[in-house]
């Protein structure tokens, strides 16, 4: 981040620190209010952010809210510009952000707080559709995810690995909530989504609509990794997820909780402490949170951990 964006962030952080009050969490100086950049309201980011905001409000004495956003790219920009203090982002989007490539015209001054869990790439089509593989999406009305979303990044990379360009499909460019509505109404034949399992909106869709998941095979995952640095891995949707009785191969990508480099160390440390201490309570509402593991949370390369996060993880080992 350079120039105007840097000045905007400095002003925003000066503002929140100026209204800081001593919280009930070990005397940490916390802003009176701040937000977490989430995602679409039917996705895991928003649900996770909502639960985290609730416990942070209670523990830090701050008014913490979650913002509805377009997803990873949008979240990273909001954090870098000071419009949100924390935000969720896929690791591929975060890596692009710190390098200033892809959707980012210049590097953003953001760092990681924790690696949270792996997200699954969902490619949803109708049960009675003749679409059997990714290549069959050519010429079809589908959604590759909202603009400024991590979903769009992944969808584009998967299509490329299958020899397709985004222009080879009729992309409606919808977020998850809008994709589900358009799918129900027959306006699109399929859509991409990248999120934890189960994603709330999809769990409802698979319960009452004729839908199935397209497989993403090992060769496709290998091609995506070969072109984009190895952040992805082959996995299977768990048996039972979305009421399914058979395994379906797919691709996964980790996600991170992100923060601006200039965020106060003690605040970041306090937020991580609350995150881990409240993991079970959050997981009762958001099952993906149960996958949070302190031993794995530090692996955020090539995105640096914030110094406050480094301090927390170092102290937790003692």
C-alpha atoms as a PDB file:
ATOM      1  CA  UNK A   1       0.000   0.000   0.000  1.00  0.00           C
ATOM      2  CA  UNK A   2       1.313   3.398  -0.967  1.00  0.00           C
ATOM      3  CA  UNK A   3       0.435   7.124  -0.910  1.00  0.00           C
ATOM      4  CA  UNK A   4      -3.238   7.887  -0.364  1.00  0.00           C
ATOM      5  CA  UNK A   5      -4.103   4.409   0.897  1.00  0.00           C
ATOM      6  CA  UNK A   6      -1.325   4.531   3.487  1.00  0.00           C
ATOM      7  CA  UNK A   7      -2.447   7.950   4.715  1.00  0.00           C
ATOM      8  CA  UNK A   8      -6.058   6.756   4.914  1.00  0.00           C
ATOM      9  CA  UNK A   9      -5.036   3.776   7.027  1.00  0.00           C
ATOM     10  CA  UNK A  10      -2.894   5.913   9.311  1.00  0.00           C
ATOM     11  CA  UNK A  11      -5.789   8.293   9.852  1.00  0.00           C
ATOM     12  CA  UNK A  12      -8.208   5.462  10.527  1.00  0.00           C
ATOM     13  CA  UNK A  13      -5.931   3.791  13.039  1.00  0.00           C
ATOM     14  CA  UNK A  14      -5.179   7.105  14.724  1.00  0.00           C
ATOM     15  CA  UNK A  15      -8.914   7.537  15.115  1.00  0.00           C
ATOM     16  CA  UNK A  16      -9.560   4.183  16.711  1.00  0.00           C
ATOM     17  CA  UNK A  17      -6.612   4.481  19.039  1.00  0.00           C
ATOM     18  CA  UNK A  18      -7.684   7.983  20.045  1.00  0.00           C
ATOM     19  CA  UNK A  19     -11.007   6.580  21.319  1.00  0.00           C
ATOM     20  CA  UNK A  20      -9.384   3.538  22.907  1.00  0.00           C
ATOM     21  CA  UNK A  21     -10.554   2.412  26.302  1.00  0.00           C
ATOM     22  CA  UNK A  22      -9.036  -0.103  28.651  1.00  0.00           C
ATOM     23  CA  UNK A  23     -10.774  -3.385  28.047  1.00  0.00           C
ATOM     24  CA  UNK A  24     -11.429  -6.243  30.408  1.00  0.00           C
ATOM     25  CA  UNK A  25      -8.841  -8.450  28.728  1.00  0.00           C
ATOM     26  CA  UNK A  26      -5.640  -8.071  30.684  1.00  0.00           C
ATOM     27  CA  UNK A  27      -5.633  -4.265  30.463  1.00  0.00           C
ATOM     28  CA  UNK A  28      -5.299  -4.345  26.683  1.00  0.00           C
ATOM     29  CA  UNK A  29      -5.953  -0.999  25.018  1.00  0.00           C
ATOM     30  CA  UNK A  30      -8.778  -1.774  22.593  1.00  0.00           C
ATOM     31  CA  UNK A  31     -10.759   0.506  20.275  1.00  0.00           C
ATOM     32  CA  UNK A  32     -14.212   1.488  21.438  1.00  0.00           C
ATOM     33  CA  UNK A  33     -15.554  -0.058  18.244  1.00  0.00           C
ATOM     34  CA  UNK A  34     -14.178  -1.902  15.234  1.00  0.00           C
ATOM     35  CA  UNK A  35     -15.361  -4.245  12.497  1.00  0.00           C
ATOM     36  CA  UNK A  36     -14.391  -7.591  10.986  1.00  0.00           C
ATOM     37  CA  UNK A  37     -14.643  -7.926   7.191  1.00  0.00           C
ATOM     38  CA  UNK A  38     -16.679 -11.079   6.663  1.00  0.00           C
ATOM     39  CA  UNK A  39     -18.370 -12.138   3.432  1.00  0.00           C
ATOM     40  CA  UNK A  40     -21.824 -12.948   2.112  1.00  0.00           C
ATOM     41  CA  UNK A  41     -24.418 -13.523   4.830  1.00  0.00           C
ATOM     42  CA  UNK A  42     -24.999 -17.159   3.777  1.00  0.00           C
ATOM     43  CA  UNK A  43     -21.288 -18.040   3.907  1.00  0.00           C
ATOM     44  CA  UNK A  44     -18.936 -19.291   6.613  1.00  0.00           C
ATOM     45  CA  UNK A  45     -16.845 -16.083   6.775  1.00  0.00           C
ATOM     46  CA  UNK A  46     -19.866 -14.060   7.824  1.00  0.00           C
ATOM     47  CA  UNK A  47     -21.057 -16.677  10.329  1.00  0.00           C
ATOM     48  CA  UNK A  48     -17.571 -17.064  11.810  1.00  0.00           C
ATOM     49  CA  UNK A  49     -17.113 -13.305  11.927  1.00  0.00           C
ATOM     50  CA  UNK A  50     -20.478 -12.824  13.597  1.00  0.00           C
ATOM     51  CA  UNK A  51     -19.664 -15.299  16.362  1.00  0.00           C
ATOM     52  CA  UNK A  52     -16.149 -13.906  16.809  1.00  0.00           C
ATOM     53  CA  UNK A  53     -17.512 -10.357  16.989  1.00  0.00           C
ATOM     54  CA  UNK A  54     -19.921 -11.418  19.732  1.00  0.00           C
ATOM     55  CA  UNK A  55     -17.238 -12.934  21.954  1.00  0.00           C
ATOM     56  CA  UNK A  56     -14.792 -10.093  21.292  1.00  0.00           C
ATOM     57  CA  UNK A  57     -17.445  -7.552  22.272  1.00  0.00           C
ATOM     58  CA  UNK A  58     -17.938  -9.380  25.548  1.00  0.00           C
ATOM     59  CA  UNK A  59     -14.273  -9.997  26.333  1.00  0.00           C
ATOM     60  CA  UNK A  60     -12.651  -6.772  25.091  1.00  0.00           C
ATOM     61  CA  UNK A  61     -15.390  -4.369  26.064  1.00  0.00           C
ATOM     62  CA  UNK A  62     -15.477  -3.037  22.497  1.00  0.00           C
ATOM     63  CA  UNK A  63     -18.400  -2.817  20.109  1.00  0.00           C
ATOM     64  CA  UNK A  64     -17.342  -5.318  17.455  1.00  0.00           C
ATOM     65  CA  UNK A  65     -19.395  -5.930  14.315  1.00  0.00           C
ATOM     66  CA  UNK A  66     -19.063  -8.043  11.168  1.00  0.00           C
ATOM     67  CA  UNK A  67     -19.411  -6.455   7.729  1.00  0.00           C
ATOM     68  CA  UNK A  68     -21.091  -8.091   4.756  1.00  0.00           C
ATOM     69  CA  UNK A  69     -18.561  -8.035   1.892  1.00  0.00           C
ATOM     70  CA  UNK A  70     -17.761  -9.604  -1.471  1.00  0.00           C
ATOM     71  CA  UNK A  71     -15.096 -11.852   0.057  1.00  0.00           C
ATOM     72  CA  UNK A  72     -11.333 -12.187   0.184  1.00  0.00           C
ATOM     73  CA  UNK A  73     -10.140  -9.446  -2.180  1.00  0.00           C
ATOM     74  CA  UNK A  74     -12.690  -6.997  -0.827  1.00  0.00           C
ATOM     75  CA  UNK A  75     -11.714  -7.921   2.744  1.00  0.00           C
ATOM     76  CA  UNK A  76      -8.007  -7.413   2.134  1.00  0.00           C
ATOM     77  CA  UNK A  77      -8.628  -3.982   0.647  1.00  0.00           C
ATOM     78  CA  UNK A  78     -10.871  -3.004   3.556  1.00  0.00           C
ATOM     79  CA  UNK A  79      -8.234  -4.050   6.084  1.00  0.00           C
ATOM     80  CA  UNK A  80      -5.414  -2.311   4.221  1.00  0.00           C
ATOM     81  CA  UNK A  81      -7.426   0.908   3.918  1.00  0.00           C
ATOM     82  CA  UNK A  82      -8.557   0.919   7.558  1.00  0.00           C
ATOM     83  CA  UNK A  83     -12.240   0.278   6.803  1.00  0.00           C
ATOM     84  CA  UNK A  84     -12.075  -2.943   8.859  1.00  0.00           C
ATOM     85  CA  UNK A  85      -9.588  -3.895  11.541  1.00  0.00           C
ATOM     86  CA  UNK A  86      -9.611  -7.641  10.818  1.00  0.00           C
ATOM     87  CA  UNK A  87     -10.784  -9.686   7.847  1.00  0.00           C
ATOM     88  CA  UNK A  88     -10.972 -13.205   6.466  1.00  0.00           C
ATOM     89  CA  UNK A  89      -9.104 -14.098   3.269  1.00  0.00           C
ATOM     90  CA  UNK A  90      -8.136 -17.141   1.279  1.00  0.00           C
ATOM     91  CA  UNK A  91      -4.403 -17.769   1.335  1.00  0.00           C
ATOM     92  CA  UNK A  92      -4.079 -17.392  -2.443  1.00  0.00           C
ATOM     93  CA  UNK A  93      -5.689 -13.944  -2.376  1.00  0.00           C
ATOM     94  CA  UNK A  94      -3.579 -12.946   0.647  1.00  0.00           C
ATOM     95  CA  UNK A  95      -0.394 -14.026  -1.135  1.00  0.00           C
ATOM     96  CA  UNK A  96      -1.357 -11.944  -4.163  1.00  0.00           C
ATOM     97  CA  UNK A  97      -2.115  -8.965  -1.890  1.00  0.00           C
ATOM     98  CA  UNK A  98       1.310  -8.853  -0.235  1.00  0.00           C
ATOM     99  CA  UNK A  99       3.021  -9.356  -3.596  1.00  0.00           C
ATOM    100  CA  UNK A 100       0.900  -6.763  -5.400  1.00  0.00           C
ATOM    101  CA  UNK A 101      -0.136  -9.098  -8.224  1.00  0.00           C
ATOM    102  CA  UNK A 102      -3.377 -10.424  -9.667  1.00  0.00           C
ATOM    103  CA  UNK A 103      -6.290  -8.359  -8.384  1.00  0.00           C
ATOM    104  CA  UNK A 104      -3.922  -5.994  -6.539  1.00  0.00           C
ATOM    105  CA  UNK A 105      -2.154  -3.220  -8.423  1.00  0.00           C
ATOM    106  CA  UNK A 106       0.379  -2.723  -5.610  1.00  0.00           C
ATOM    107  CA  UNK A 107       1.401  -4.570  -2.427  1.00  0.00           C
ATOM    108  CA  UNK A 108      -0.869  -4.147   0.574  1.00  0.00           C
ATOM    109  CA  UNK A 109       0.558  -3.670   4.068  1.00  0.00           C
ATOM    110  CA  UNK A 110      -1.352  -6.556   5.635  1.00  0.00           C
ATOM    111  CA  UNK A 111      -0.242  -9.516   7.730  1.00  0.00           C
ATOM    112  CA  UNK A 112      -1.738 -12.737   9.011  1.00  0.00           C
ATOM    113  CA  UNK A 113      -3.144 -13.376  12.464  1.00  0.00           C
ATOM    114  CA  UNK A 114      -3.819 -17.103  12.088  1.00  0.00           C
ATOM    115  CA  UNK A 115      -4.366 -19.870   9.593  1.00  0.00           C
ATOM    116  CA  UNK A 116      -7.937 -20.916  10.365  1.00  0.00           C
ATOM    117  CA  UNK A 117      -9.119 -23.917   8.329  1.00  0.00           C
ATOM    118  CA  UNK A 118      -9.169 -25.290   4.784  1.00  0.00           C
ATOM    119  CA  UNK A 119     -11.894 -24.180   2.395  1.00  0.00           C
ATOM    120  CA  UNK A 120     -13.420 -26.531  -0.167  1.00  0.00           C
ATOM    121  CA  UNK A 121     -14.018 -25.602  -3.787  1.00  0.00           C
ATOM    122  CA  UNK A 122     -17.705 -26.275  -4.539  1.00  0.00           C
ATOM    123  CA  UNK A 123     -18.916 -26.419  -8.138  1.00  0.00           C
ATOM    124  CA  UNK A 124     -22.676 -26.815  -7.880  1.00  0.00           C
ATOM    125  CA  UNK A 125     -24.893 -27.969 -10.766  1.00  0.00           C
ATOM    126  CA  UNK A 126     -28.411 -29.381 -11.022  1.00  0.00           C
ATOM    127  CA  UNK A 127     -28.839 -33.098 -10.331  1.00  0.00           C
ATOM    128  CA  UNK A 128     -30.464 -33.676 -13.733  1.00  0.00           C
ATOM    129  CA  UNK A 129     -27.916 -31.583 -15.643  1.00  0.00           C
ATOM    130  CA  UNK A 130     -25.783 -33.052 -18.433  1.00  0.00           C
ATOM    131  CA  UNK A 131     -22.810 -31.139 -16.983  1.00  0.00           C
ATOM    132  CA  UNK A 132     -20.496 -33.881 -15.722  1.00  0.00           C
ATOM    133  CA  UNK A 133     -17.093 -32.194 -15.632  1.00  0.00           C
ATOM    134  CA  UNK A 134     -15.594 -28.720 -15.503  1.00  0.00           C
ATOM    135  CA  UNK A 135     -15.048 -28.646 -19.272  1.00  0.00           C
ATOM    136  CA  UNK A 136     -18.826 -29.024 -19.766  1.00  0.00           C
ATOM    137  CA  UNK A 137     -19.351 -25.538 -18.289  1.00  0.00           C
ATOM    138  CA  UNK A 138     -18.313 -23.997 -21.608  1.00  0.00           C
ATOM    139  CA  UNK A 139     -21.154 -21.938 -23.034  1.00  0.00           C
ATOM    140  CA  UNK A 140     -23.302 -22.355 -19.913  1.00  0.00           C
ATOM    141  CA  UNK A 141     -24.809 -19.704 -17.660  1.00  0.00           C
ATOM    142  CA  UNK A 142     -22.830 -20.017 -14.424  1.00  0.00           C
ATOM    143  CA  UNK A 143     -21.468 -17.776 -11.698  1.00  0.00           C
ATOM    144  CA  UNK A 144     -17.726 -17.588 -11.096  1.00  0.00           C
ATOM    145  CA  UNK A 145     -18.262 -15.660  -7.867  1.00  0.00           C
ATOM    146  CA  UNK A 146     -18.698 -12.000  -7.035  1.00  0.00           C
ATOM    147  CA  UNK A 147     -16.158  -9.432  -8.234  1.00  0.00           C
ATOM    148  CA  UNK A 148     -13.376  -8.870  -5.662  1.00  0.00           C
ATOM    149  CA  UNK A 149     -13.924 -12.335  -4.200  1.00  0.00           C
ATOM    150  CA  UNK A 150     -11.557 -15.211  -3.567  1.00  0.00           C
ATOM    151  CA  UNK A 151     -14.140 -17.438  -5.251  1.00  0.00           C
ATOM    152  CA  UNK A 152     -13.559 -15.617  -8.531  1.00  0.00           C
ATOM    153  CA  UNK A 153      -9.796 -16.108  -8.226  1.00  0.00           C
ATOM    154  CA  UNK A 154     -10.168 -19.861  -7.677  1.00  0.00           C
ATOM    155  CA  UNK A 155     -12.877 -20.329 -10.317  1.00  0.00           C
ATOM    156  CA  UNK A 156     -10.735 -18.586 -12.937  1.00  0.00           C
ATOM    157  CA  UNK A 157      -7.734 -20.742 -12.060  1.00  0.00           C
ATOM    158  CA  UNK A 158      -9.749 -23.974 -12.192  1.00  0.00           C
ATOM    159  CA  UNK A 159     -11.195 -23.041 -15.596  1.00  0.00           C
ATOM    160  CA  UNK A 160      -7.715 -22.194 -16.876  1.00  0.00           C
ATOM    161  CA  UNK A 161      -6.430 -25.578 -15.699  1.00  0.00           C
ATOM    162  CA  UNK A 162      -9.196 -27.166 -17.801  1.00  0.00           C
ATOM    163  CA  UNK A 163      -8.335 -25.104 -20.872  1.00  0.00           C
ATOM    164  CA  UNK A 164     -11.199 -22.612 -20.469  1.00  0.00           C
ATOM    165  CA  UNK A 165     -11.196 -18.830 -20.122  1.00  0.00           C
ATOM    166  CA  UNK A 166     -13.796 -16.928 -18.090  1.00  0.00           C
ATOM    167  CA  UNK A 167     -15.173 -15.653 -21.397  1.00  0.00           C
ATOM    168  CA  UNK A 168     -15.934 -19.246 -22.414  1.00  0.00           C
ATOM    169  CA  UNK A 169     -18.807 -19.300 -19.915  1.00  0.00           C
ATOM    170  CA  UNK A 170     -21.729 -16.941 -19.444  1.00  0.00           C
ATOM    171  CA  UNK A 171     -20.548 -15.591 -16.100  1.00  0.00           C
ATOM    172  CA  UNK A 172     -23.235 -13.922 -14.001  1.00  0.00           C
ATOM    173  CA  UNK A 173     -20.610 -12.803 -11.401  1.00  0.00           C
ATOM    174  CA  UNK A 174     -22.810 -13.403  -8.340  1.00  0.00           C
ATOM    175  CA  UNK A 175     -22.064 -13.776  -4.647  1.00  0.00           C
ATOM    176  CA  UNK A 176     -23.219 -16.885  -2.820  1.00  0.00           C
ATOM    177  CA  UNK A 177     -26.644 -15.598  -1.746  1.00  0.00           C
ATOM    178  CA  UNK A 178     -27.406 -14.351  -5.243  1.00  0.00           C
ATOM    179  CA  UNK A 179     -26.008 -17.536  -6.835  1.00  0.00           C
ATOM    180  CA  UNK A 180     -28.289 -19.707  -4.729  1.00  0.00           C
ATOM    181  CA  UNK A 181     -31.320 -17.582  -5.605  1.00  0.00           C
ATOM    182  CA  UNK A 182     -30.488 -17.599  -9.334  1.00  0.00           C
ATOM    183  CA  UNK A 183     -29.873 -21.353  -9.246  1.00  0.00           C
ATOM    184  CA  UNK A 184     -33.235 -21.969  -7.572  1.00  0.00           C
ATOM    185  CA  UNK A 185     -34.973 -19.803 -10.161  1.00  0.00           C
ATOM    186  CA  UNK A 186     -33.297 -21.589 -13.071  1.00  0.00           C
ATOM    187  CA  UNK A 187     -31.439 -18.457 -14.183  1.00  0.00           C
ATOM    188  CA  UNK A 188     -28.030 -20.172 -13.968  1.00  0.00           C
ATOM    189  CA  UNK A 189     -27.007 -23.795 -14.486  1.00  0.00           C
ATOM    190  CA  UNK A 190     -24.277 -23.821 -11.878  1.00  0.00           C
ATOM    191  CA  UNK A 191     -21.957 -21.778  -9.685  1.00  0.00           C
ATOM    192  CA  UNK A 192     -18.618 -21.829  -7.919  1.00  0.00           C
ATOM    193  CA  UNK A 193     -18.230 -21.374  -4.191  1.00  0.00           C
ATOM    194  CA  UNK A 194     -15.167 -21.689  -1.952  1.00  0.00           C
ATOM    195  CA  UNK A 195     -15.867 -22.126   1.749  1.00  0.00           C
ATOM    196  CA  UNK A 196     -15.907 -24.294   4.823  1.00  0.00           C
ATOM    197  CA  UNK A 197     -18.049 -27.408   5.091  1.00  0.00           C
ATOM    198  CA  UNK A 198     -20.886 -27.128   5.664  1.00  0.00           C
ATOM    199  CA  UNK A 199     -21.544 -23.688   4.236  1.00  0.00           C
ATOM    200  CA  UNK A 200     -24.908 -22.648   5.743  1.00  0.00           C
ATOM    201  CA  UNK A 201     -26.555 -21.462   2.524  1.00  0.00           C
ATOM    202  CA  UNK A 202     -25.497 -24.572   0.628  1.00  0.00           C
ATOM    203  CA  UNK A 203     -26.641 -26.896   3.393  1.00  0.00           C
ATOM    204  CA  UNK A 204     -30.132 -25.451   2.956  1.00  0.00           C
ATOM    205  CA  UNK A 205     -29.931 -25.625  -0.839  1.00  0.00           C
ATOM    206  CA  UNK A 206     -28.931 -29.301  -0.888  1.00  0.00           C
ATOM    207  CA  UNK A 207     -31.778 -30.090   1.497  1.00  0.00           C
ATOM    208  CA  UNK A 208     -34.586 -28.813  -0.699  1.00  0.00           C
ATOM    209  CA  UNK A 209     -33.239 -28.421  -4.261  1.00  0.00           C
ATOM    210  CA  UNK A 210     -31.954 -30.925  -6.861  1.00  0.00           C
ATOM    211  CA  UNK A 211     -28.224 -30.156  -6.738  1.00  0.00           C
ATOM    212  CA  UNK A 212     -24.935 -32.033  -6.917  1.00  0.00           C
ATOM    213  CA  UNK A 213     -21.212 -31.257  -6.849  1.00  0.00           C
ATOM    214  CA  UNK A 214     -18.847 -31.569  -9.813  1.00  0.00           C
ATOM    215  CA  UNK A 215     -15.541 -33.320  -9.105  1.00  0.00           C
ATOM    216  CA  UNK A 216     -12.180 -31.593  -9.404  1.00  0.00           C
ATOM    217  CA  UNK A 217      -9.527 -34.229 -10.035  1.00  0.00           C
ATOM    218  CA  UNK A 218      -5.877 -34.547  -9.111  1.00  0.00           C
ATOM    219  CA  UNK A 219      -4.591 -33.505 -12.554  1.00  0.00           C
ATOM    220  CA  UNK A 220      -6.548 -30.259 -12.369  1.00  0.00           C
ATOM    221  CA  UNK A 221      -5.222 -29.537  -8.869  1.00  0.00           C
ATOM    222  CA  UNK A 222      -1.682 -30.241 -10.057  1.00  0.00           C
ATOM    223  CA  UNK A 223      -2.074 -27.833 -12.976  1.00  0.00           C
ATOM    224  CA  UNK A 224      -3.444 -25.094 -10.728  1.00  0.00           C
ATOM    225  CA  UNK A 225      -0.547 -25.575  -8.303  1.00  0.00           C
ATOM    226  CA  UNK A 226       1.968 -25.588 -11.134  1.00  0.00           C
ATOM    227  CA  UNK A 227       0.717 -22.227 -12.320  1.00  0.00           C
ATOM    228  CA  UNK A 228       0.086 -20.599  -8.943  1.00  0.00           C
ATOM    229  CA  UNK A 229       2.640 -21.705  -6.389  1.00  0.00           C
ATOM    230  CA  UNK A 230       1.291 -24.780  -4.642  1.00  0.00           C
ATOM    231  CA  UNK A 231      -1.283 -23.372  -2.193  1.00  0.00           C
ATOM    232  CA  UNK A 232      -3.895 -25.968  -3.119  1.00  0.00           C
ATOM    233  CA  UNK A 233      -4.366 -29.619  -2.284  1.00  0.00           C
ATOM    234  CA  UNK A 234      -6.551 -32.506  -3.389  1.00  0.00           C
ATOM    235  CA  UNK A 235      -9.256 -33.540  -0.940  1.00  0.00           C
ATOM    236  CA  UNK A 236     -12.716 -35.087  -0.783  1.00  0.00           C
ATOM    237  CA  UNK A 237     -15.922 -33.644   0.560  1.00  0.00           C
ATOM    238  CA  UNK A 238     -16.645 -35.521   3.785  1.00  0.00           C
ATOM    239  CA  UNK A 239     -19.238 -38.276   3.476  1.00  0.00           C
ATOM    240  CA  UNK A 240     -22.468 -36.923   4.896  1.00  0.00           C
ATOM    241  CA  UNK A 241     -21.733 -33.310   3.987  1.00  0.00           C
ATOM    242  CA  UNK A 242     -24.842 -31.846   2.365  1.00  0.00           C
ATOM    243  CA  UNK A 243     -26.569 -35.211   2.764  1.00  0.00           C
ATOM    244  CA  UNK A 244     -24.247 -36.927   0.300  1.00  0.00           C
ATOM    245  CA  UNK A 245     -23.478 -40.637   0.532  1.00  0.00           C
ATOM    246  CA  UNK A 246     -20.555 -40.765  -1.930  1.00  0.00           C
ATOM    247  CA  UNK A 247     -17.175 -39.046  -1.888  1.00  0.00           C
ATOM    248  CA  UNK A 248     -16.460 -36.304  -4.405  1.00  0.00           C
ATOM    249  CA  UNK A 249     -12.907 -35.158  -5.155  1.00  0.00           C
ATOM    250  CA  UNK A 250     -12.195 -31.452  -4.974  1.00  0.00           C
ATOM    251  CA  UNK A 251      -9.546 -28.844  -4.238  1.00  0.00           C
ATOM    252  CA  UNK A 252      -8.979 -27.044  -0.968  1.00  0.00           C
ATOM    253  CA  UNK A 253      -7.215 -23.818  -0.024  1.00  0.00           C
ATOM    254  CA  UNK A 254      -6.401 -22.516   3.493  1.00  0.00           C
ATOM    255  CA  UNK A 255      -7.756 -19.240   4.776  1.00  0.00           C
ATOM    256  CA  UNK A 256      -6.316 -16.691   7.167  1.00  0.00           C
ATOM    257  CA  UNK A 257      -7.525 -14.057   9.573  1.00  0.00           C
ATOM    258  CA  UNK A 258      -5.781 -10.872   8.397  1.00  0.00           C
ATOM    259  CA  UNK A 259      -4.919  -7.498   9.945  1.00  0.00           C
ATOM    260  CA  UNK A 260      -3.049  -4.334   8.937  1.00  0.00           C
ATOM    261  CA  UNK A 261       0.695  -4.300   9.661  1.00  0.00           C
ATOM    262  CA  UNK A 262       0.242  -1.152  11.775  1.00  0.00           C
ATOM    263  CA  UNK A 263      -2.365  -2.638  14.122  1.00  0.00           C
ATOM    264  CA  UNK A 264      -1.207  -2.497  17.796  1.00  0.00           C
ATOM    265  CA  UNK A 265       0.632  -5.631  18.919  1.00  0.00           C
ATOM    266  CA  UNK A 266      -1.246  -5.934  22.217  1.00  0.00           C
ATOM    267  CA  UNK A 267      -4.623  -5.718  20.490  1.00  0.00           C
ATOM    268  CA  UNK A 268      -3.724  -8.410  17.966  1.00  0.00           C
ATOM    269  CA  UNK A 269      -2.398 -10.613  20.761  1.00  0.00           C
ATOM    270  CA  UNK A 270      -5.603 -10.147  22.776  1.00  0.00           C
ATOM    271  CA  UNK A 271      -7.833 -10.953  19.780  1.00  0.00           C
ATOM    272  CA  UNK A 272      -5.947 -14.179  19.082  1.00  0.00           C
ATOM    273  CA  UNK A 273      -6.224 -15.193  22.734  1.00  0.00           C
ATOM    274  CA  UNK A 274     -10.003 -14.706  22.631  1.00  0.00           C
ATOM    275  CA  UNK A 275     -10.197 -16.577  19.305  1.00  0.00           C
ATOM    276  CA  UNK A 276      -8.542 -19.689  20.725  1.00  0.00           C
ATOM    277  CA  UNK A 277     -10.220 -19.531  24.117  1.00  0.00           C
ATOM    278  CA  UNK A 278     -13.633 -19.267  22.443  1.00  0.00           C
ATOM    279  CA  UNK A 279     -13.021 -21.858  19.724  1.00  0.00           C
ATOM    280  CA  UNK A 280     -15.444 -24.444  21.116  1.00  0.00           C
ATOM    281  CA  UNK A 281     -18.218 -21.909  21.643  1.00  0.00           C
ATOM    282  CA  UNK A 282     -17.808 -20.571  18.106  1.00  0.00           C
ATOM    283  CA  UNK A 283     -17.672 -24.108  16.679  1.00  0.00           C
ATOM    284  CA  UNK A 284     -21.053 -24.882  18.229  1.00  0.00           C
ATOM    285  CA  UNK A 285     -22.505 -22.444  15.683  1.00  0.00           C
ATOM    286  CA  UNK A 286     -19.820 -22.622  12.964  1.00  0.00           C
ATOM    287  CA  UNK A 287     -18.432 -26.194  12.682  1.00  0.00           C
ATOM    288  CA  UNK A 288     -15.408 -25.087  10.610  1.00  0.00           C
ATOM    289  CA  UNK A 289     -14.076 -23.261  13.674  1.00  0.00           C
ATOM    290  CA  UNK A 290     -13.427 -26.632  15.324  1.00  0.00           C
ATOM    291  CA  UNK A 291     -10.572 -27.103  12.829  1.00  0.00           C
ATOM    292  CA  UNK A 292      -8.625 -24.179  14.275  1.00  0.00           C
ATOM    293  CA  UNK A 293      -5.343 -25.617  15.569  1.00  0.00           C
ATOM    294  CA  UNK A 294      -2.710 -23.558  17.380  1.00  0.00           C
ATOM    295  CA  UNK A 295       0.061 -25.772  15.968  1.00  0.00           C
ATOM    296  CA  UNK A 296      -1.076 -25.158  12.383  1.00  0.00           C
ATOM    297  CA  UNK A 297      -2.152 -21.538  12.792  1.00  0.00           C
ATOM    298  CA  UNK A 298       1.397 -20.216  12.376  1.00  0.00           C
ATOM    299  CA  UNK A 299       1.839 -21.602   8.848  1.00  0.00           C
ATOM    300  CA  UNK A 300       0.868 -18.602   6.736  1.00  0.00           C
ATOM    301  CA  UNK A 301       3.766 -18.387   4.246  1.00  0.00           C
ATOM    302  CA  UNK A 302       4.293 -16.386   2.112  1.00  0.00           C
ATOM    303  CA  UNK A 303       2.244 -13.974   4.247  1.00  0.00           C
ATOM    304  CA  UNK A 304       4.071 -12.791   7.377  1.00  0.00           C
ATOM    305  CA  UNK A 305       2.531 -13.170  10.806  1.00  0.00           C
ATOM    306  CA  UNK A 306       1.814  -9.906  12.620  1.00  0.00           C
ATOM    307  CA  UNK A 307       4.282  -9.282  15.513  1.00  0.00           C
ATOM    308  CA  UNK A 308       1.381  -9.465  17.975  1.00  0.00           C
ATOM    309  CA  UNK A 309       0.538 -12.903  16.629  1.00  0.00           C
ATOM    310  CA  UNK A 310       4.172 -13.997  16.879  1.00  0.00           C
ATOM    311  CA  UNK A 311       4.186 -12.889  20.527  1.00  0.00           C
ATOM    312  CA  UNK A 312       1.005 -14.840  21.288  1.00  0.00           C
ATOM    313  CA  UNK A 313       2.220 -18.077  19.697  1.00  0.00           C
ATOM    314  CA  UNK A 314       5.622 -17.774  21.394  1.00  0.00           C
ATOM    315  CA  UNK A 315       4.003 -17.257  24.789  1.00  0.00           C
ATOM    316  CA  UNK A 316       1.565 -20.136  24.285  1.00  0.00           C
ATOM    317  CA  UNK A 317       4.452 -22.589  23.912  1.00  0.00           C
ATOM    318  CA  UNK A 318       5.866 -21.852  27.364  1.00  0.00           C
END
